Amino acid sequence: MKISLISPYLQPSMLKTGLRLALLASTVTALQACAVVAVADAAVTVVATGVKVTAKAVGAAADAVIPDGDED
């Protein structure tokens, strides 16, 4: 007595179509994950650039306001 793991009602073309759909679904899911990482990376880069520019501006303003202590 043979035990088959594949249903006898599935045709080979149906099995191929199912495998193709599964492959397509997994590919789309993987690409969406890459897109989410790319968007998150872009957001972090924008915030980091904003913080850097703000810190430089605050540093320049502090240097202009606070005297050096050197009296010429």
N, C-alpha and C. Protein backbone atom coordinates (compact mmCIF):
# COMPACT_ATOMS: atom_id res chain seq x y z
N MET A 1 0.84 -1.17 0.00
CA MET A 1 0.00 0.00 0.00
C MET A 1 0.88 1.24 0.00
N LYS A 2 0.68 2.09 -1.01
CA LYS A 2 1.45 3.32 -1.10
C LYS A 2 0.68 4.46 -0.44
N ILE A 3 1.41 5.28 0.28
CA ILE A 3 0.81 6.48 0.87
C ILE A 3 1.38 7.68 0.12
N SER A 4 0.49 8.44 -0.44
CA SER A 4 0.90 9.61 -1.21
C SER A 4 0.66 10.87 -0.38
N LEU A 5 1.65 11.77 -0.37
CA LEU A 5 1.50 13.02 0.34
C LEU A 5 0.76 14.06 -0.50
N ILE A 6 0.69 13.83 -1.79
CA ILE A 6 0.00 14.74 -2.71
C ILE A 6 -1.37 14.16 -3.00
N SER A 7 -2.36 15.01 -2.93
CA SER A 7 -3.72 14.58 -3.17
C SER A 7 -3.87 14.05 -4.59
N PRO A 8 -4.59 12.98 -4.78
CA PRO A 8 -4.79 12.45 -6.14
C PRO A 8 -5.66 13.36 -6.99
N TYR A 9 -6.32 14.33 -6.37
CA TYR A 9 -7.19 15.23 -7.10
C TYR A 9 -6.42 16.41 -7.70
N LEU A 10 -5.19 16.64 -7.27
CA LEU A 10 -4.40 17.74 -7.81
C LEU A 10 -3.76 17.32 -9.12
N GLN A 11 -3.95 18.12 -10.11
CA GLN A 11 -3.30 17.90 -11.39
C GLN A 11 -1.91 18.53 -11.35
N PRO A 12 -0.97 18.03 -12.14
CA PRO A 12 0.38 18.63 -12.14
C PRO A 12 0.37 20.12 -12.48
N SER A 13 -0.53 20.54 -13.37
CA SER A 13 -0.58 21.96 -13.71
C SER A 13 -1.05 22.79 -12.53
N MET A 14 -1.98 22.24 -11.73
CA MET A 14 -2.45 22.94 -10.54
C MET A 14 -1.34 23.06 -9.51
N LEU A 15 -0.54 22.01 -9.40
CA LEU A 15 0.57 22.02 -8.46
C LEU A 15 1.60 23.05 -8.87
N LYS A 16 1.91 23.13 -10.16
CA LYS A 16 2.87 24.12 -10.66
C LYS A 16 2.35 25.53 -10.41
N THR A 17 1.07 25.74 -10.66
CA THR A 17 0.48 27.06 -10.45
C THR A 17 0.55 27.44 -8.97
N GLY A 18 0.27 26.50 -8.12
CA GLY A 18 0.35 26.76 -6.68
C GLY A 18 1.75 27.10 -6.23
N LEU A 19 2.73 26.37 -6.75
CA LEU A 19 4.12 26.65 -6.41
C LEU A 19 4.55 28.02 -6.92
N ARG A 20 4.10 28.37 -8.12
CA ARG A 20 4.43 29.69 -8.67
C ARG A 20 3.82 30.80 -7.83
N LEU A 21 2.57 30.60 -7.42
CA LEU A 21 1.92 31.61 -6.58
C LEU A 21 2.63 31.75 -5.23
N ALA A 22 3.05 30.64 -4.66
CA ALA A 22 3.77 30.68 -3.39
C ALA A 22 5.11 31.40 -3.55
N LEU A 23 5.80 31.12 -4.65
CA LEU A 23 7.07 31.79 -4.92
C LEU A 23 6.86 33.29 -5.12
N LEU A 24 5.83 33.65 -5.87
CA LEU A 24 5.53 35.06 -6.10
C LEU A 24 5.18 35.77 -4.79
N ALA A 25 4.38 35.13 -3.96
CA ALA A 25 3.99 35.73 -2.69
C ALA A 25 5.20 35.93 -1.78
N SER A 26 6.10 34.96 -1.73
CA SER A 26 7.28 35.10 -0.88
C SER A 26 8.23 36.17 -1.42
N THR A 27 8.32 36.28 -2.74
CA THR A 27 9.17 37.32 -3.35
C THR A 27 8.63 38.71 -3.06
N VAL A 28 7.33 38.87 -3.21
CA VAL A 28 6.71 40.17 -2.93
C VAL A 28 6.89 40.55 -1.46
N THR A 29 6.73 39.60 -0.58
CA THR A 29 6.91 39.86 0.85
C THR A 29 8.34 40.28 1.15
N ALA A 30 9.30 39.61 0.55
CA ALA A 30 10.71 39.95 0.78
C ALA A 30 11.02 41.35 0.25
N LEU A 31 10.47 41.69 -0.91
CA LEU A 31 10.72 43.01 -1.47
C LEU A 31 10.06 44.11 -0.64
N GLN A 32 8.90 43.83 -0.08
CA GLN A 32 8.26 44.81 0.79
C GLN A 32 9.11 45.05 2.03
N ALA A 33 9.71 44.01 2.56
CA ALA A 33 10.57 44.17 3.73
C ALA A 33 11.77 45.04 3.38
N CYS A 34 12.33 44.87 2.19
CA CYS A 34 13.45 45.70 1.76
C CYS A 34 13.01 47.16 1.63
N ALA A 35 11.80 47.38 1.12
CA ALA A 35 11.29 48.74 0.97
C ALA A 35 11.12 49.40 2.32
N VAL A 36 10.64 48.66 3.30
CA VAL A 36 10.46 49.21 4.64
C VAL A 36 11.81 49.59 5.24
N VAL A 37 12.81 48.77 5.05
CA VAL A 37 14.15 49.07 5.55
C VAL A 37 14.71 50.30 4.86
N ALA A 38 14.50 50.42 3.56
CA ALA A 38 15.01 51.58 2.82
C ALA A 38 14.34 52.86 3.29
N VAL A 39 13.04 52.84 3.52
CA VAL A 39 12.32 54.03 3.99
C VAL A 39 12.78 54.39 5.40
N ALA A 40 12.94 53.41 6.26
CA ALA A 40 13.41 53.68 7.62
C ALA A 40 14.82 54.25 7.60
N ASP A 41 15.68 53.72 6.74
CA ASP A 41 17.04 54.23 6.62
C ASP A 41 17.05 55.68 6.15
N ALA A 42 16.20 55.99 5.19
CA ALA A 42 16.11 57.36 4.69
C ALA A 42 15.62 58.31 5.78
N ALA A 43 14.66 57.87 6.57
CA ALA A 43 14.14 58.70 7.65
C ALA A 43 15.22 58.96 8.70
N VAL A 44 15.97 57.94 9.05
CA VAL A 44 17.04 58.11 10.04
C VAL A 44 18.12 59.04 9.50
N THR A 45 18.44 58.93 8.23
CA THR A 45 19.44 59.82 7.62
C THR A 45 18.99 61.27 7.65
N VAL A 46 17.72 61.51 7.34
CA VAL A 46 17.20 62.88 7.36
C VAL A 46 17.25 63.45 8.77
N VAL A 47 16.85 62.67 9.75
CA VAL A 47 16.87 63.15 11.14
C VAL A 47 18.31 63.39 11.60
N ALA A 48 19.22 62.50 11.27
CA ALA A 48 20.61 62.66 11.68
C ALA A 48 21.22 63.91 11.04
N THR A 49 20.90 64.16 9.78
CA THR A 49 21.41 65.36 9.11
C THR A 49 20.84 66.61 9.76
N GLY A 50 19.57 66.59 10.11
CA GLY A 50 18.95 67.72 10.80
C GLY A 50 19.58 68.00 12.14
N VAL A 51 19.87 66.95 12.89
CA VAL A 51 20.51 67.11 14.19
C VAL A 51 21.92 67.67 14.02
N LYS A 52 22.65 67.20 13.03
CA LYS A 52 24.01 67.67 12.80
C LYS A 52 24.02 69.16 12.44
N VAL A 53 23.13 69.56 11.54
CA VAL A 53 23.06 70.96 11.13
C VAL A 53 22.66 71.84 12.32
N THR A 54 21.70 71.40 13.11
CA THR A 54 21.27 72.16 14.28
C THR A 54 22.41 72.28 15.29
N ALA A 55 23.13 71.20 15.51
CA ALA A 55 24.24 71.25 16.47
C ALA A 55 25.33 72.21 16.00
N LYS A 56 25.62 72.23 14.72
CA LYS A 56 26.62 73.16 14.19
C LYS A 56 26.16 74.61 14.35
N ALA A 57 24.87 74.85 14.10
CA ALA A 57 24.34 76.20 14.24
C ALA A 57 24.38 76.66 15.69
N VAL A 58 24.01 75.78 16.61
CA VAL A 58 24.05 76.12 18.04
C VAL A 58 25.49 76.34 18.47
N GLY A 59 26.40 75.53 17.99
CA GLY A 59 27.82 75.70 18.34
C GLY A 59 28.37 77.02 17.82
N ALA A 60 28.00 77.39 16.60
CA ALA A 60 28.46 78.66 16.04
C ALA A 60 27.87 79.83 16.82
N ALA A 61 26.61 79.74 17.20
CA ALA A 61 25.98 80.81 17.98
C ALA A 61 26.63 80.91 19.36
N ALA A 62 26.94 79.79 19.97
CA ALA A 62 27.58 79.82 21.29
C ALA A 62 28.98 80.41 21.19
N ASP A 63 29.71 80.08 20.14
CA ASP A 63 31.05 80.64 19.94
C ASP A 63 30.98 82.15 19.73
N ALA A 64 29.93 82.62 19.09
CA ALA A 64 29.79 84.05 18.84
C ALA A 64 29.41 84.79 20.12
N VAL A 65 28.64 84.19 21.00
CA VAL A 65 28.14 84.87 22.19
C VAL A 65 29.13 84.78 23.35
N ILE A 66 29.74 83.62 23.54
CA ILE A 66 30.64 83.41 24.69
C ILE A 66 32.03 83.91 24.33
N PRO A 67 32.57 84.78 25.14
CA PRO A 67 33.92 85.29 24.86
C PRO A 67 34.97 84.21 25.08
N ASP A 68 36.10 84.37 24.37
CA ASP A 68 37.20 83.40 24.46
C ASP A 68 37.97 83.52 25.77
N GLY A 69 37.98 84.67 26.30
CA GLY A 69 38.78 84.88 27.49
C GLY A 69 40.13 85.53 27.14
N ASP A 70 40.46 85.57 25.86
CA ASP A 70 41.68 86.24 25.40
C ASP A 70 41.39 87.72 25.23
N GLU A 71 42.16 88.53 25.92
CA GLU A 71 41.98 89.97 25.77
C GLU A 71 43.16 90.51 25.01
N ASP A 72 42.90 91.02 23.83
CA ASP A 72 43.96 91.56 23.00
C ASP A 72 44.05 93.04 23.13
